[in-house]
Structures are given as structure tokens and as C-alpha cells.
C-alpha atoms as a PDB file:
ATOM      1  CA  UNK A   1     121.225  63.105  58.173  1.00  0.00           C
ATOM      2  CA  UNK A   2     119.730  60.775  60.015  1.00  0.00           C
ATOM      3  CA  UNK A   3     120.733  57.469  58.505  1.00  0.00           C
ATOM      4  CA  UNK A   4     123.974  58.239  60.136  1.00  0.00           C
ATOM      5  CA  UNK A   5     122.310  59.133  63.294  1.00  0.00           C
ATOM      6  CA  UNK A   6     120.474  55.687  62.942  1.00  0.00           C
ATOM      7  CA  UNK A   7     123.750  54.280  62.285  1.00  0.00           C
ATOM      8  CA  UNK A   8     125.252  55.434  65.140  1.00  0.00           C
ATOM      9  CA  UNK A   9     122.345  54.783  67.851  1.00  0.00           C
ATOM     10  CA  UNK A  10     122.074  51.266  66.789  1.00  0.00           C
ATOM     11  CA  UNK A  11     126.664  50.952  67.278  1.00  0.00           C
ATOM     12  CA  UNK A  12     126.032  52.868  70.903  1.00  0.00           C
ATOM     13  CA  UNK A  13     123.285  50.046  71.675  1.00  0.00           C
ATOM     14  CA  UNK A  14     125.362  47.538  70.168  1.00  0.00           C
ATOM     15  CA  UNK A  15     128.457  47.914  72.332  1.00  0.00           C
ATOM     16  CA  UNK A  16     126.516  49.122  75.383  1.00  0.00           C
ATOM     17  CA  UNK A  17     124.838  45.423  74.846  1.00  0.00           C
ATOM     18  CA  UNK A  18     128.687  44.447  74.462  1.00  0.00           C
ATOM     19  CA  UNK A  19     130.156  45.699  77.760  1.00  0.00           C
ATOM     20  CA  UNK A  20     126.689  44.406  79.803  1.00  0.00           C
ATOM     21  CA  UNK A  21     127.360  40.919  77.919  1.00  0.00           C
ATOM     22  CA  UNK A  22     131.388  41.461  79.358  1.00  0.00           C
ATOM     23  CA  UNK A  23     130.405  42.588  82.606  1.00  0.00           C
ATOM     24  CA  UNK A  24     127.775  39.654  83.068  1.00  0.00           C
ATOM     25  CA  UNK A  25     130.207  36.976  82.003  1.00  0.00           C
ATOM     26  CA  UNK A  26     132.773  38.294  84.488  1.00  0.00           C
ATOM     27  CA  UNK A  27     130.147  37.819  87.420  1.00  0.00           C
ATOM     28  CA  UNK A  28     128.608  34.621  86.671  1.00  0.00           C
ATOM     29  CA  UNK A  29     130.981  31.919  88.093  1.00  0.00           C
ATOM     30  CA  UNK A  30     130.525  33.758  91.200  1.00  0.00           C
ATOM     31  CA  UNK A  31     127.221  34.132  91.140  1.00  0.00           C
ATOM     32  CA  UNK A  32     127.378  30.190  89.900  1.00  0.00           C
ATOM     33  CA  UNK A  33     129.561  29.582  93.034  1.00  0.00           C
ATOM     34  CA  UNK A  34     126.246  31.600  95.050  1.00  0.00           C
ATOM     35  CA  UNK A  35     123.364  29.411  93.679  1.00  0.00           C
ATOM     36  CA  UNK A  36     125.212  26.672  94.184  1.00  0.00           C
ATOM     37  CA  UNK A  37     125.200  26.951  98.156  1.00  0.00           C
ATOM     38  CA  UNK A  38     122.053  27.517  97.731  1.00  0.00           C
ATOM     39  CA  UNK A  39     120.890  24.502  96.493  1.00  0.00           C
ATOM     40  CA  UNK A  40     123.408  22.766  98.677  1.00  0.00           C
ATOM     41  CA  UNK A  41     121.631  24.169 101.392  1.00  0.00           C
ATOM     42  CA  UNK A  42     118.456  22.553  99.755  1.00  0.00           C
ATOM     43  CA  UNK A  43     119.359  19.665 100.016  1.00  0.00           C
ATOM     44  CA  UNK A  44     119.666  19.825  96.098  1.00  0.00           C
ATOM     45  CA  UNK A  45     123.015  18.138  95.196  1.00  0.00           C
ATOM     46  CA  UNK A  46     121.970  16.669  91.597  1.00  0.00           C
ATOM     47  CA  UNK A  47     121.422  21.055  90.771  1.00  0.00           C
ATOM     48  CA  UNK A  48     124.067  22.088  92.421  1.00  0.00           C
ATOM     49  CA  UNK A  49     126.673  20.078  90.449  1.00  0.00           C
ATOM     50  CA  UNK A  50     125.080  20.878  87.187  1.00  0.00           C
ATOM     51  CA  UNK A  51     125.917  24.700  88.207  1.00  0.00           C
ATOM     52  CA  UNK A  52     129.662  23.370  89.187  1.00  0.00           C
ATOM     53  CA  UNK A  53     129.917  22.241  85.515  1.00  0.00           C
ATOM     54  CA  UNK A  54     128.368  25.095  83.660  1.00  0.00           C
ATOM     55  CA  UNK A  55     131.012  27.494  86.103  1.00  0.00           C
ATOM     56  CA  UNK A  56     133.748  24.775  85.139  1.00  0.00           C
ATOM     57  CA  UNK A  57     133.072  25.605  81.255  1.00  0.00           C
ATOM     58  CA  UNK A  58     134.008  29.190  82.203  1.00  0.00           C
ATOM     59  CA  UNK A  59     137.388  28.629  84.463  1.00  0.00           C
ATOM     60  CA  UNK A  60     138.231  25.255  84.059  1.00  0.00           C
ATOM     61  CA  UNK A  61     141.164  25.327  86.365  1.00  0.00           C
ATOM     62  CA  UNK A  62     139.312  27.293  89.104  1.00  0.00           C
ATOM     63  CA  UNK A  63     140.352  25.936  92.679  1.00  0.00           C
ATOM     64  CA  UNK A  64     137.068  26.493  94.263  1.00  0.00           C
ATOM     65  CA  UNK A  65     135.095  25.207  91.210  1.00  0.00           C
ATOM     66  CA  UNK A  66     137.260  22.223  91.293  1.00  0.00           C
ATOM     67  CA  UNK A  67     137.070  21.349  95.097  1.00  0.00           C
ATOM     68  CA  UNK A  68     133.165  22.133  94.979  1.00  0.00           C
ATOM     69  CA  UNK A  69     132.661  19.938  92.056  1.00  0.00           C
ATOM     70  CA  UNK A  70     134.396  16.580  94.410  1.00  0.00           C
ATOM     71  CA  UNK A  71     132.135  17.986  97.319  1.00  0.00           C
ATOM     72  CA  UNK A  72     128.945  17.536  95.230  1.00  0.00           C
ATOM     73  CA  UNK A  73     130.443  14.104  94.099  1.00  0.00           C
ATOM     74  CA  UNK A  74     130.712  13.682  97.768  1.00  0.00           C
ATOM     75  CA  UNK A  75     127.293  14.625  98.554  1.00  0.00           C
ATOM     76  CA  UNK A  76     125.532  12.796  96.437  1.00  0.00           C
ATOM     77  CA  UNK A  77     127.485   9.186  97.397  1.00  0.00           C
ATOM     78  CA  UNK A  78     126.856  10.224 100.875  1.00  0.00           C
ATOM     79  CA  UNK A  79     122.940   9.945  99.787  1.00  0.00           C
ATOM     80  CA  UNK A  80     122.994   6.574  99.895  1.00  0.00           C
ATOM     81  CA  UNK A  81     126.045   4.592 100.899  1.00  0.00           C
ATOM     82  CA  UNK A  82     124.812   1.316 101.221  1.00  0.00           C
ATOM     83  CA  UNK A  83     124.696   1.379  97.557  1.00  0.00           C
ATOM     84  CA  UNK A  84     127.604   0.834  95.576  1.00  0.00           C
ATOM     85  CA  UNK A  85     126.879   1.571  92.727  1.00  0.00           C
ATOM     86  CA  UNK A  86     126.026   5.044  93.598  1.00  0.00           C
ATOM     87  CA  UNK A  87     129.339   4.932  94.965  1.00  0.00           C
ATOM     88  CA  UNK A  88     131.072   4.012  92.409  1.00  0.00           C
ATOM     89  CA  UNK A  89     129.221   6.391  89.945  1.00  0.00           C
ATOM     90  CA  UNK A  90     130.335   9.628  92.160  1.00  0.00           C
ATOM     91  CA  UNK A  91     133.351   8.939  94.316  1.00  0.00           C
ATOM     92  CA  UNK A  92     135.643   7.584  91.415  1.00  0.00           C
ATOM     93  CA  UNK A  93     135.323  10.991  89.207  1.00  0.00           C
ATOM     94  CA  UNK A  94     134.739  13.355  92.189  1.00  0.00           C
ATOM     95  CA  UNK A  95     138.406  12.696  93.243  1.00  0.00           C
ATOM     96  CA  UNK A  96     139.881  13.069  90.219  1.00  0.00           C
ATOM     97  CA  UNK A  97     138.420  16.733  90.933  1.00  0.00           C
ATOM     98  CA  UNK A  98     139.704  16.875  94.595  1.00  0.00           C
ATOM     99  CA  UNK A  99     142.997  15.547  92.778  1.00  0.00           C
ATOM    100  CA  UNK A 100     143.303  18.279  90.270  1.00  0.00           C
ATOM    101  CA  UNK A 101     142.642  20.940  93.377  1.00  0.00           C
ATOM    102  CA  UNK A 102     145.381  19.640  95.302  1.00  0.00           C
ATOM    103  CA  UNK A 103     148.071  19.237  92.443  1.00  0.00           C
ATOM    104  CA  UNK A 104     147.675  22.718  90.841  1.00  0.00           C
ATOM    105  CA  UNK A 105     146.741  24.749  94.753  1.00  0.00           C
ATOM    106  CA  UNK A 106     147.782  22.940  97.419  1.00  0.00           C
ATOM    107  CA  UNK A 107     146.772  25.641  99.925  1.00  0.00           C
ATOM    108  CA  UNK A 108     143.396  25.279  99.720  1.00  0.00           C
ATOM    109  CA  UNK A 109     141.887  23.519 101.872  1.00  0.00           C
ATOM    110  CA  UNK A 110     138.444  22.074 100.424  1.00  0.00           C
ATOM    111  CA  UNK A 111     140.792  20.061  97.546  1.00  0.00           C
ATOM    112  CA  UNK A 112     143.070  18.667 100.884  1.00  0.00           C
ATOM    113  CA  UNK A 113     140.032  17.746 102.542  1.00  0.00           C
ATOM    114  CA  UNK A 114     137.859  16.062  99.194  1.00  0.00           C
ATOM    115  CA  UNK A 115     140.933  14.404  98.648  1.00  0.00           C
ATOM    116  CA  UNK A 116     141.073  12.151 102.221  1.00  0.00           C
ATOM    117  CA  UNK A 117     137.476  12.051 102.471  1.00  0.00           C
ATOM    118  CA  UNK A 118     137.211  10.490  98.429  1.00  0.00           C
ATOM    119  CA  UNK A 119     140.140   8.651  98.653  1.00  0.00           C
ATOM    120  CA  UNK A 120     138.761   7.154 102.104  1.00  0.00           C
ATOM    121  CA  UNK A 121     135.786   5.971 100.391  1.00  0.00           C
ATOM    122  CA  UNK A 122     138.085   4.199  97.092  1.00  0.00           C
ATOM    123  CA  UNK A 123     139.435   2.095  99.974  1.00  0.00           C
ATOM    124  CA  UNK A 124     136.104   1.363 100.440  1.00  0.00           C
ATOM    125  CA  UNK A 125     134.628   0.136  97.667  1.00  0.00           C
ATOM    126  CA  UNK A 126     137.956  -1.640  96.318  1.00  0.00           C
ATOM    127  CA  UNK A 127     138.639  -3.647  99.792  1.00  0.00           C
ATOM    128  CA  UNK A 128     140.485  -4.368 102.746  1.00  0.00           C
ATOM    129  CA  UNK A 129     144.181  -3.847 100.990  1.00  0.00           C
ATOM    130  CA  UNK A 130     143.327  -0.630  99.148  1.00  0.00           C
ATOM    131  CA  UNK A 131     142.125   0.533 102.494  1.00  0.00           C
ATOM    132  CA  UNK A 132     144.785   0.141 104.310  1.00  0.00           C
ATOM    133  CA  UNK A 133     146.821   1.531 101.519  1.00  0.00           C
ATOM    134  CA  UNK A 134     144.674   4.282 100.897  1.00  0.00           C
ATOM    135  CA  UNK A 135     144.884   5.483 104.717  1.00  0.00           C
ATOM    136  CA  UNK A 136     147.806   7.175 105.324  1.00  0.00           C
ATOM    137  CA  UNK A 137     147.400   9.759 102.087  1.00  0.00           C
ATOM    138  CA  UNK A 138     143.721   9.841 103.704  1.00  0.00           C
ATOM    139  CA  UNK A 139     145.634  11.014 107.575  1.00  0.00           C
ATOM    140  CA  UNK A 140     147.748  13.263 105.281  1.00  0.00           C
ATOM    141  CA  UNK A 141     145.873  15.423 103.463  1.00  0.00           C
ATOM    142  CA  UNK A 142     143.196  15.713 106.623  1.00  0.00           C
ATOM    143  CA  UNK A 143     145.796  16.989 108.591  1.00  0.00           C
ATOM    144  CA  UNK A 144     146.693  19.452 105.815  1.00  0.00           C
ATOM    145  CA  UNK A 145     142.610  20.766 105.261  1.00  0.00           C
ATOM    146  CA  UNK A 146     142.863  21.254 109.658  1.00  0.00           C
ATOM    147  CA  UNK A 147     146.204  23.299 109.323  1.00  0.00           C
ATOM    148  CA  UNK A 148     144.940  24.956 106.557  1.00  0.00           C
ATOM    149  CA  UNK A 149     140.999  25.662 108.051  1.00  0.00           C
ATOM    150  CA  UNK A 150     141.340  24.712 111.638  1.00  0.00           C
ATOM    151  CA  UNK A 151     137.529  26.101 111.996  1.00  0.00           C
ATOM    152  CA  UNK A 152     135.829  22.979 109.561  1.00  0.00           C
ATOM    153  CA  UNK A 153     134.346  20.411 111.938  1.00  0.00           C
ATOM    154  CA  UNK A 154     134.250  18.329 108.459  1.00  0.00           C
ATOM    155  CA  UNK A 155     137.992  17.913 108.470  1.00  0.00           C
ATOM    156  CA  UNK A 156     137.717  16.802 112.428  1.00  0.00           C
ATOM    157  CA  UNK A 157     134.541  14.006 111.804  1.00  0.00           C
ATOM    158  CA  UNK A 158     136.962  12.649 109.150  1.00  0.00           C
ATOM    159  CA  UNK A 159     139.822  12.157 111.533  1.00  0.00           C
ATOM    160  CA  UNK A 160     137.397  10.532 113.537  1.00  0.00           C
ATOM    161  CA  UNK A 161     136.401   8.506 111.643  1.00  0.00           C
ATOM    162  CA  UNK A 162     140.017   7.361 110.222  1.00  0.00           C
ATOM    163  CA  UNK A 163     141.183   6.400 113.756  1.00  0.00           C
ATOM    164  CA  UNK A 164     137.292   4.212 114.168  1.00  0.00           C
ATOM    165  CA  UNK A 165     137.930   2.779 110.683  1.00  0.00           C
ATOM    166  CA  UNK A 166     141.734   1.367 111.911  1.00  0.00           C
ATOM    167  CA  UNK A 167     140.719   0.844 115.298  1.00  0.00           C
ATOM    168  CA  UNK A 168     137.908  -1.190 114.162  1.00  0.00           C
ATOM    169  CA  UNK A 169     139.982  -3.278 111.868  1.00  0.00           C
ATOM    170  CA  UNK A 170     139.221  -7.350 111.996  1.00  0.00           C
ATOM    171  CA  UNK A 171     141.569  -9.916 113.120  1.00  0.00           C
ATOM    172  CA  UNK A 172     142.171 -11.062 109.433  1.00  0.00           C
ATOM    173  CA  UNK A 173     142.506  -7.358 108.344  1.00  0.00           C
ATOM    174  CA  UNK A 174     145.046  -6.139 110.933  1.00  0.00           C
ATOM    175  CA  UNK A 175     146.840  -9.329 108.990  1.00  0.00           C
ATOM    176  CA  UNK A 176     146.583  -8.339 106.111  1.00  0.00           C
ATOM    177  CA  UNK A 177     147.798  -4.989 107.614  1.00  0.00           C
ATOM    178  CA  UNK A 178     151.289  -6.244 108.475  1.00  0.00           C
ATOM    179  CA  UNK A 179     151.677  -7.224 105.826  1.00  0.00           C
ATOM    180  CA  UNK A 180     151.518  -4.078 103.774  1.00  0.00           C
ATOM    181  CA  UNK A 181     153.241  -2.381 106.232  1.00  0.00           C
ATOM    182  CA  UNK A 182     155.774  -3.435 109.398  1.00  0.00           C
ATOM    183  CA  UNK A 183     153.815  -1.030 111.611  1.00  0.00           C
ATOM    184  CA  UNK A 184     149.858  -0.247 110.527  1.00  0.00           C
ATOM    185  CA  UNK A 185     149.159   3.048 111.104  1.00  0.00           C
ATOM    186  CA  UNK A 186     148.292   3.785 114.733  1.00  0.00           C
ATOM    187  CA  UNK A 187     144.647   4.298 115.886  1.00  0.00           C
ATOM    188  CA  UNK A 188     142.185   4.301 118.443  1.00  0.00           C
ATOM    189  CA  UNK A 189     138.932   4.087 119.674  1.00  0.00           C
ATOM    190  CA  UNK A 190     139.977   7.184 122.426  1.00  0.00           C
ATOM    191  CA  UNK A 191     141.123   9.260 120.042  1.00  0.00           C
ATOM    192  CA  UNK A 192     138.365   9.164 117.350  1.00  0.00           C
ATOM    193  CA  UNK A 193     136.454  10.140 120.562  1.00  0.00           C
ATOM    194  CA  UNK A 194     138.868  13.086 120.714  1.00  0.00           C
ATOM    195  CA  UNK A 195     137.800  14.199 117.154  1.00  0.00           C
ATOM    196  CA  UNK A 196     134.957  13.271 116.587  1.00  0.00           C
ATOM    197  CA  UNK A 197     133.968  15.508 120.062  1.00  0.00           C
ATOM    198  CA  UNK A 198     136.207  18.431 118.253  1.00  0.00           C
ATOM    199  CA  UNK A 199     133.781  17.959 115.467  1.00  0.00           C
ATOM    200  CA  UNK A 200     130.419  18.286 117.450  1.00  0.00           C
ATOM    201  CA  UNK A 201     131.796  21.807 119.619  1.00  0.00           C
ATOM    202  CA  UNK A 202     132.248  23.399 116.051  1.00  0.00           C
ATOM    203  CA  UNK A 203     129.146  21.891 114.709  1.00  0.00           C
ATOM    204  CA  UNK A 204     126.909  21.001 117.585  1.00  0.00           C
ATOM    205  CA  UNK A 205     123.853  20.528 114.922  1.00  0.00           C
ATOM    206  CA  UNK A 206     125.181  17.769 113.034  1.00  0.00           C
ATOM    207  CA  UNK A 207     124.044  14.500 113.566  1.00  0.00           C
ATOM    208  CA  UNK A 208     127.014  12.894 111.713  1.00  0.00           C
ATOM    209  CA  UNK A 209     129.033  13.572 114.825  1.00  0.00           C
ATOM    210  CA  UNK A 210     126.931  12.423 117.479  1.00  0.00           C
ATOM    211  CA  UNK A 211     126.329   9.642 115.513  1.00  0.00           C
ATOM    212  CA  UNK A 212     129.821   8.231 115.419  1.00  0.00           C
ATOM    213  CA  UNK A 213     130.235   9.765 118.891  1.00  0.00           C
ATOM    214  CA  UNK A 214     128.032   7.235 120.552  1.00  0.00           C
ATOM    215  CA  UNK A 215     129.695   4.636 117.718  1.00  0.00           C
ATOM    216  CA  UNK A 216     133.153   5.453 119.880  1.00  0.00           C
ATOM    217  CA  UNK A 217     132.138   5.050 123.384  1.00  0.00           C
ATOM    218  CA  UNK A 218     130.261   2.321 122.421  1.00  0.00           C
ATOM    219  CA  UNK A 219     132.839   0.742 121.388  1.00  0.00           C
ATOM    220  CA  UNK A 220     134.806   2.047 124.501  1.00  0.00           C
ATOM    221  CA  UNK A 221     132.035  -0.068 126.625  1.00  0.00           C
ATOM    222  CA  UNK A 222     131.265   3.341 127.778  1.00  0.00           C
ATOM    223  CA  UNK A 223     127.267   2.960 127.649  1.00  0.00           C
ATOM    224  CA  UNK A 224     126.199   6.311 129.491  1.00  0.00           C
ATOM    225  CA  UNK A 225     128.244   8.676 127.456  1.00  0.00           C
ATOM    226  CA  UNK A 226     127.098   6.575 123.683  1.00  0.00           C
ATOM    227  CA  UNK A 227     123.691   6.744 124.864  1.00  0.00           C
ATOM    228  CA  UNK A 228     123.630   9.943 125.410  1.00  0.00           C
ATOM    229  CA  UNK A 229     125.286  10.831 122.197  1.00  0.00           C
ATOM    230  CA  UNK A 230     122.860   8.674 120.262  1.00  0.00           C
ATOM    231  CA  UNK A 231     120.132  10.760 121.955  1.00  0.00           C
ATOM    232  CA  UNK A 232     121.343  14.072 121.088  1.00  0.00           C
ATOM    233  CA  UNK A 233     121.370  12.828 117.349  1.00  0.00           C
ATOM    234  CA  UNK A 234     117.822  11.515 117.394  1.00  0.00           C
ATOM    235  CA  UNK A 235     116.387  15.011 118.496  1.00  0.00           C
ATOM    236  CA  UNK A 236     117.659  16.802 115.807  1.00  0.00           C
ATOM    237  CA  UNK A 237     116.356  17.547 112.732  1.00  0.00           C
ATOM    238  CA  UNK A 238     117.112  15.476 109.679  1.00  0.00           C
ATOM    239  CA  UNK A 239     117.271  17.793 106.492  1.00  0.00           C
ATOM    240  CA  UNK A 240     118.452  14.918 104.470  1.00  0.00           C
ATOM    241  CA  UNK A 241     118.464  11.376 103.161  1.00  0.00           C
ATOM    242  CA  UNK A 242     121.642  10.739 104.872  1.00  0.00           C
ATOM    243  CA  UNK A 243     120.433  12.487 107.798  1.00  0.00           C
ATOM    244  CA  UNK A 244     117.655  10.227 107.896  1.00  0.00           C
ATOM    245  CA  UNK A 245     119.621   7.338 107.352  1.00  0.00           C
ATOM    246  CA  UNK A 246     122.181   7.924 110.141  1.00  0.00           C
ATOM    247  CA  UNK A 247     119.234   8.453 112.814  1.00  0.00           C
ATOM    248  CA  UNK A 248     117.905   5.231 111.641  1.00  0.00           C
ATOM    249  CA  UNK A 249     121.914   3.493 112.616  1.00  0.00           C
ATOM    250  CA  UNK A 250     121.700   5.383 115.672  1.00  0.00           C
ATOM    251  CA  UNK A 251     118.049   4.067 116.923  1.00  0.00           C
ATOM    252  CA  UNK A 252     118.717   0.795 116.323  1.00  0.00           C
ATOM    253  CA  UNK A 253     122.459   1.307 118.414  1.00  0.00           C
ATOM    254  CA  UNK A 254     120.623   2.939 121.357  1.00  0.00           C
ATOM    255  CA  UNK A 255     117.976  -0.008 121.073  1.00  0.00           C
ATOM    256  CA  UNK A 256     121.130  -2.672 121.549  1.00  0.00           C
ATOM    257  CA  UNK A 257     122.357  -0.638 124.011  1.00  0.00           C
END
């Protein structure tokens, strides 16, 4: 009798543990995604990517996991924008995740956002011709992201960068553009100011919006507005290496004005 009770007790414990394990597994992806945001807020982008890779093993076609992996690769690339090896190591795999997300879940804003950002970076890596060819995809996917998530400041920043980059093409680059397209994409520094201003309005604590707003005003010879934006950028606390690099750029430009 004791033996039967013992066996029954063991079986009960096993069943309870199995149920707990199943419940734990069911919550694991959410828990990992919560941890990812904590790590990202602490600028631990390597740790965030590691957690996302764990989550991917559990649910490889989850759109949120896919676009956040793309974001994590972008975050890593963004810490050293001038290092071509760092860019290649992170931009290309990040873009593949964004592309997969868009294919699986075309109504998820994050997929379009990082598809646009990363295909833009691919163009920067591969040169003028590819940058111009990719520009239409950057605009297309960013505008979709804005439609799906109109309160996300980053999407407006991307469109500001799109206008700035194309308006700032050199004579040689414009010749390349005219060869690729009969009518190259229309862009202007005035539109760049509009998009960067909107991004700043939505997120006034982001240094990059103010830096690029200042750079756009400088291109328009509006030095007073440029100085104001750059001084605001320098007054904000720098939370990451990317922020510090942008403040160095803002300081150098301010000294030139």
C-alpha cells in the first residue's frame, strides 16, 4: 500500500513538474522579449541579440522576433557607423531578418521600418549605384511603416535621411542617378527639415534628430536655425556610443558655423 502511495506521489510530482515546464515554455518567448527591451534600454545590444536568438529557436517565424533581430543588428552597426567591417557583419544578416518579416507579416510596421533602414545601409556599403537603386525601396517601406505606425519617430528620421542623402548627391552621383533612372528620385533639404522636425516633435530627447535637423538647416544656409538645433543636441545626455559620436559631429559642425 505504501509502495502504491509512493508511486502515485512520484507520478503526481512528475505530472505537476511537466505542467509547470509546459507553462514555463509557453511564457518563455514573452519573457525573453521583455528581457530584450531591458537590455536594449541599457545599451547592451550584444546581450539583446543573444536573447533574441534564444527566442528564435523557440518560434522561428514570429514576426516580432524577426524584426527585433533586424533591429538588434542595426543597433550593433550603428555603434560604429564608420567601420565598414562592423557594417558588413551586421547590416547584411539584419536585412535578411527584416526581409523575412516583411514576407511573413506584411502588416507589421517593424519589419518595414528595418527593411528600409538596412537596405539603405546596404546601398551605403556597396556604393553610389546601389545606394540610388535602393533608394526607392527605402522610401516605399518607410512610408508603409509610417502608415502602420504613425507615432514612431524613427520612421520620420529615416525619411529625413532619405531626402538629405539624395538632395546631397554630388554632380558625379547625379550623373549615375540619371543613367539608372530617367527621372531620379525627387528629394530636397526642405523636406528633410520637415521630417526631422516631426521626428524631434515625437521624440525630443533623441540626439540624432537634432543633429540631422542642424545639418539640413546648414545646407539651406539657415545658420541660426542650424546652431539652435546643434546646441540642443549637445545639451542632451549621451546614453550610447552612437549618441557620443553624434555629439562629436554636432560640436564640429557648430564650430564651423
